[in-house]
Structures are given as structure tokens and as C-alpha cells.
């Protein structure tokens, strides 16, 4: 199988879904600010989103010096833009 993560279908009252999104958040002007300390802080903040929005599941988080990669599962009741707004506001 070409995909390494096992497919996990999720259920809600009205649907069964499998929606994974790869989001990339770049810094303004692509400034190189993400070192290990700042990334550890960002990782903790992203994991706290689960406390307030249990339907949003963050699978993987990775970084480079000027951007962050987030693999997230978003239920159909949320739009992608709403989840990006939630992540950026936190």
C-alpha cells in the first residue's frame, strides 16, 4: 500500500468520513525563526486544540526553519478555512 498510515474511518451521527489535510504554515517573509525551542512550544499549543475541539485530530507535526507542516483530520462539519483560523488563532 502506498500510504504508510493505516486508514481509519471516523463516524459521526450523519456520516462516515476520512478527510486528512496537509497544512503548511509559513512565516511572514519566510523568516527563519523556527528552532527546536520554538517548535516545541508550537507543538504544545497545537496539541491543546484537541481540548477545545475534540473532533479535530492532529496526526503529525513537523517543521523547517521557516514553515510548519501539520497533518490534520477535519470532520465534514468544519470547513478547512475554519480549522486554519482556529489553528492560527491559537
N, C-alpha and C. Protein backbone atom coordinates (compact mmCIF):
# COMPACT_ATOMS: atom_id res chain seq x y z
N UNK A 1 0.84 -1.18 0.00
CA UNK A 1 0.00 0.00 0.00
C UNK A 1 0.89 1.24 0.00
N UNK A 2 0.58 2.23 -0.75
CA UNK A 2 1.41 3.41 -0.90
C UNK A 2 1.34 4.36 0.28
N UNK A 3 0.36 4.23 1.14
CA UNK A 3 0.17 5.15 2.26
C UNK A 3 0.55 4.44 3.54
N UNK A 4 1.47 5.03 4.31
CA UNK A 4 2.01 4.34 5.48
C UNK A 4 1.08 4.34 6.68
N UNK A 5 0.27 5.38 6.86
CA UNK A 5 -0.64 5.45 8.00
C UNK A 5 -1.88 4.62 7.66
N UNK A 6 -2.29 3.77 8.59
CA UNK A 6 -3.47 2.94 8.35
C UNK A 6 -4.71 3.83 8.25
N UNK A 7 -5.53 3.53 7.26
CA UNK A 7 -6.74 4.32 7.06
C UNK A 7 -7.73 4.05 8.19
N UNK A 8 -8.15 5.10 8.83
CA UNK A 8 -9.09 4.97 9.93
C UNK A 8 -10.32 5.79 9.61
N UNK A 9 -11.40 5.13 9.33
CA UNK A 9 -12.65 5.84 9.06
C UNK A 9 -13.23 6.34 10.36
N UNK A 10 -13.74 7.54 10.34
CA UNK A 10 -14.32 8.15 11.53
C UNK A 10 -15.82 8.30 11.32
N UNK A 11 -16.56 8.22 12.40
CA UNK A 11 -18.02 8.26 12.31
C UNK A 11 -18.58 9.43 13.08
N UNK A 12 -19.63 10.00 12.52
CA UNK A 12 -20.48 10.95 13.22
C UNK A 12 -21.90 10.45 13.07
N UNK A 13 -22.85 11.17 13.60
CA UNK A 13 -24.24 10.72 13.54
C UNK A 13 -24.77 10.62 12.12
N UNK A 14 -24.28 11.46 11.23
CA UNK A 14 -24.86 11.52 9.90
C UNK A 14 -23.92 11.06 8.79
N UNK A 15 -22.67 10.70 9.12
CA UNK A 15 -21.75 10.35 8.04
C UNK A 15 -20.57 9.52 8.55
N UNK A 16 -19.89 8.91 7.62
CA UNK A 16 -18.61 8.25 7.85
C UNK A 16 -17.62 8.96 6.94
N UNK A 17 -16.47 9.36 7.48
CA UNK A 17 -15.55 10.16 6.69
C UNK A 17 -14.10 9.78 6.92
N UNK A 18 -13.28 10.16 5.99
CA UNK A 18 -11.83 10.02 6.07
C UNK A 18 -11.24 11.22 5.35
N UNK A 19 -11.02 12.30 6.06
CA UNK A 19 -10.54 13.55 5.46
C UNK A 19 -9.27 13.99 6.16
N UNK A 20 -8.13 13.75 5.53
CA UNK A 20 -6.85 14.22 6.05
C UNK A 20 -6.37 15.38 5.18
N UNK A 21 -5.84 16.39 5.83
CA UNK A 21 -5.35 17.56 5.12
C UNK A 21 -3.93 17.84 5.56
N UNK A 22 -3.08 18.18 4.61
CA UNK A 22 -1.71 18.58 4.88
C UNK A 22 -1.66 20.09 4.79
N UNK A 23 -1.49 20.73 5.95
CA UNK A 23 -1.46 22.19 6.01
C UNK A 23 -0.02 22.65 6.22
N UNK A 24 0.35 23.72 5.54
CA UNK A 24 1.68 24.30 5.69
C UNK A 24 1.50 25.75 6.10
N UNK A 25 2.08 26.11 7.24
CA UNK A 25 2.03 27.48 7.74
C UNK A 25 3.41 28.09 7.60
N UNK A 26 3.53 29.07 6.74
CA UNK A 26 4.80 29.75 6.52
C UNK A 26 4.84 31.03 7.33
N UNK A 27 6.05 31.44 7.71
CA UNK A 27 6.21 32.69 8.43
C UNK A 27 6.14 33.86 7.46
N UNK A 28 5.88 35.02 7.99
CA UNK A 28 5.82 36.22 7.15
C UNK A 28 7.21 36.50 6.59
N UNK A 29 7.27 36.75 5.31
CA UNK A 29 8.51 36.98 4.58
C UNK A 29 9.47 35.80 4.66
N UNK A 30 8.94 34.64 4.99
CA UNK A 30 9.72 33.39 5.11
C UNK A 30 10.92 33.55 6.04
N UNK A 31 10.71 34.28 7.13
CA UNK A 31 11.79 34.48 8.11
C UNK A 31 12.10 33.16 8.78
N UNK A 32 13.35 32.93 9.04
CA UNK A 32 13.84 31.68 9.62
C UNK A 32 13.83 31.79 11.15
N UNK A 33 12.69 31.49 11.76
CA UNK A 33 12.55 31.66 13.21
C UNK A 33 12.33 30.35 13.95
N UNK A 34 12.02 29.26 13.27
CA UNK A 34 11.67 28.03 13.97
C UNK A 34 12.92 27.22 14.30
N UNK A 35 13.32 27.28 15.57
CA UNK A 35 14.34 26.39 16.07
C UNK A 35 13.65 25.34 16.93
N UNK A 36 14.41 24.50 17.60
CA UNK A 36 13.80 23.40 18.37
C UNK A 36 12.97 23.91 19.55
N UNK A 37 13.39 24.98 20.19
CA UNK A 37 12.64 25.52 21.33
C UNK A 37 11.30 26.10 20.91
N UNK A 38 11.29 26.89 19.87
CA UNK A 38 10.03 27.49 19.40
C UNK A 38 9.11 26.41 18.84
N UNK A 39 9.69 25.42 18.16
CA UNK A 39 8.86 24.34 17.63
C UNK A 39 8.23 23.53 18.76
N UNK A 40 8.96 23.28 19.85
CA UNK A 40 8.39 22.55 20.99
C UNK A 40 7.21 23.32 21.58
N UNK A 41 7.34 24.65 21.67
CA UNK A 41 6.23 25.47 22.17
C UNK A 41 5.03 25.40 21.22
N UNK A 42 5.28 25.51 19.92
CA UNK A 42 4.20 25.44 18.93
C UNK A 42 3.52 24.07 18.97
N UNK A 43 4.29 23.02 19.14
CA UNK A 43 3.74 21.67 19.20
C UNK A 43 2.80 21.52 20.39
N UNK A 44 3.21 22.06 21.55
CA UNK A 44 2.34 22.01 22.73
C UNK A 44 1.05 22.80 22.51
N UNK A 45 1.16 23.98 21.89
CA UNK A 45 -0.02 24.79 21.63
C UNK A 45 -0.97 24.10 20.65
N UNK A 46 -0.41 23.43 19.63
CA UNK A 46 -1.27 22.74 18.67
C UNK A 46 -1.98 21.55 19.31
N UNK A 47 -1.33 20.89 20.25
CA UNK A 47 -1.97 19.76 20.92
C UNK A 47 -3.08 20.20 21.86
N UNK A 48 -3.04 21.45 22.33
CA UNK A 48 -4.09 21.97 23.20
C UNK A 48 -5.39 22.22 22.45
N UNK A 49 -5.35 22.31 21.14
CA UNK A 49 -6.57 22.50 20.35
C UNK A 49 -7.52 21.34 20.57
N UNK A 50 -6.98 20.15 20.78
CA UNK A 50 -7.80 18.94 20.99
C UNK A 50 -8.69 19.08 22.24
N UNK A 51 -8.25 19.86 23.23
CA UNK A 51 -9.05 20.05 24.45
C UNK A 51 -10.35 20.80 24.16
N UNK A 52 -10.29 21.76 23.24
CA UNK A 52 -11.46 22.58 22.94
C UNK A 52 -12.25 22.07 21.74
N UNK A 53 -11.57 21.42 20.81
CA UNK A 53 -12.21 20.87 19.62
C UNK A 53 -11.83 19.40 19.50
N UNK A 54 -12.53 18.50 20.19
CA UNK A 54 -12.13 17.08 20.17
C UNK A 54 -12.31 16.40 18.82
N UNK A 55 -13.09 16.99 17.92
CA UNK A 55 -13.29 16.38 16.61
C UNK A 55 -12.09 16.58 15.70
N UNK A 56 -11.31 17.63 15.94
CA UNK A 56 -10.13 17.91 15.12
C UNK A 56 -8.97 17.11 15.67
N UNK A 57 -8.37 16.30 14.83
CA UNK A 57 -7.30 15.42 15.26
C UNK A 57 -6.02 15.77 14.50
N UNK A 58 -4.99 16.14 15.23
CA UNK A 58 -3.70 16.46 14.61
C UNK A 58 -2.84 15.20 14.66
N UNK A 59 -2.51 14.67 13.49
CA UNK A 59 -1.77 13.41 13.41
C UNK A 59 -0.26 13.61 13.49
N UNK A 60 0.26 14.52 12.68
CA UNK A 60 1.70 14.74 12.65
C UNK A 60 1.99 16.22 12.57
N UNK A 61 3.11 16.61 13.19
CA UNK A 61 3.59 17.99 13.14
C UNK A 61 5.08 17.92 12.86
N UNK A 62 5.54 18.72 11.90
CA UNK A 62 6.95 18.78 11.57
C UNK A 62 7.28 20.21 11.18
N UNK A 63 8.57 20.53 11.13
CA UNK A 63 8.94 21.91 10.82
C UNK A 63 10.24 21.99 10.05
N UNK A 64 10.43 23.14 9.45
CA UNK A 64 11.69 23.56 8.87
C UNK A 64 11.98 24.92 9.49
N UNK A 65 13.00 25.61 9.08
CA UNK A 65 13.34 26.87 9.74
C UNK A 65 12.34 27.99 9.44
N UNK A 66 11.55 27.86 8.37
CA UNK A 66 10.64 28.95 8.01
C UNK A 66 9.20 28.52 7.79
N UNK A 67 8.85 27.28 8.12
CA UNK A 67 7.45 26.85 7.99
C UNK A 67 7.19 25.61 8.85
N UNK A 68 5.89 25.36 9.09
CA UNK A 68 5.44 24.20 9.87
C UNK A 68 4.50 23.38 9.02
N UNK A 69 4.66 22.05 9.06
CA UNK A 69 3.76 21.13 8.39
C UNK A 69 2.86 20.49 9.44
N UNK A 70 1.56 20.42 9.14
CA UNK A 70 0.60 19.81 10.05
C UNK A 70 -0.28 18.88 9.24
N UNK A 71 -0.36 17.62 9.66
CA UNK A 71 -1.29 16.66 9.07
C UNK A 71 -2.47 16.55 10.01
N UNK A 72 -3.64 16.95 9.55
CA UNK A 72 -4.80 17.09 10.43
C UNK A 72 -6.01 16.39 9.80
N UNK A 73 -6.85 15.81 10.66
CA UNK A 73 -8.11 15.21 10.24
C UNK A 73 -9.22 16.18 10.63
N UNK A 74 -9.98 16.59 9.61
CA UNK A 74 -11.04 17.57 9.82
C UNK A 74 -12.38 16.93 9.48
N UNK A 75 -13.34 16.96 10.41
CA UNK A 75 -14.66 16.40 10.10
C UNK A 75 -15.40 17.28 9.09
N UNK A 76 -16.36 16.71 8.38
CA UNK A 76 -17.08 17.47 7.35
C UNK A 76 -17.89 18.65 7.88
N UNK A 77 -18.20 18.67 9.16
CA UNK A 77 -18.98 19.79 9.68
C UNK A 77 -18.15 21.06 9.81
N UNK A 78 -16.82 20.96 9.76
CA UNK A 78 -15.94 22.12 9.76
C UNK A 78 -15.39 22.33 8.37
N UNK A 79 -15.29 23.58 7.96
CA UNK A 79 -14.60 23.86 6.71
C UNK A 79 -13.10 23.94 7.00
N UNK A 80 -12.31 23.76 5.97
CA UNK A 80 -10.86 23.81 6.14
C UNK A 80 -10.44 25.21 6.59
N UNK A 81 -11.08 26.22 6.04
CA UNK A 81 -10.73 27.60 6.42
C UNK A 81 -11.03 27.88 7.90
N UNK A 82 -12.09 27.28 8.42
CA UNK A 82 -12.41 27.47 9.84
C UNK A 82 -11.35 26.82 10.73
N UNK A 83 -10.89 25.64 10.35
CA UNK A 83 -9.88 24.95 11.14
C UNK A 83 -8.54 25.70 11.06
N UNK A 84 -8.21 26.23 9.90
CA UNK A 84 -6.99 27.02 9.77
C UNK A 84 -7.09 28.26 10.65
N UNK A 85 -8.26 28.88 10.70
CA UNK A 85 -8.46 30.05 11.57
C UNK A 85 -8.30 29.66 13.04
N UNK A 86 -8.83 28.50 13.43
CA UNK A 86 -8.69 28.03 14.80
C UNK A 86 -7.23 27.80 15.14
N UNK A 87 -6.51 27.16 14.25
CA UNK A 87 -5.09 26.86 14.50
C UNK A 87 -4.29 28.15 14.57
N UNK A 88 -4.53 29.07 13.65
CA UNK A 88 -3.76 30.32 13.66
C UNK A 88 -4.10 31.19 14.85
N UNK A 89 -5.33 31.15 15.33
CA UNK A 89 -5.68 31.98 16.47
C UNK A 89 -5.07 31.46 17.77
N UNK A 90 -4.76 30.19 17.80
CA UNK A 90 -4.12 29.63 18.99
C UNK A 90 -2.61 29.72 18.88
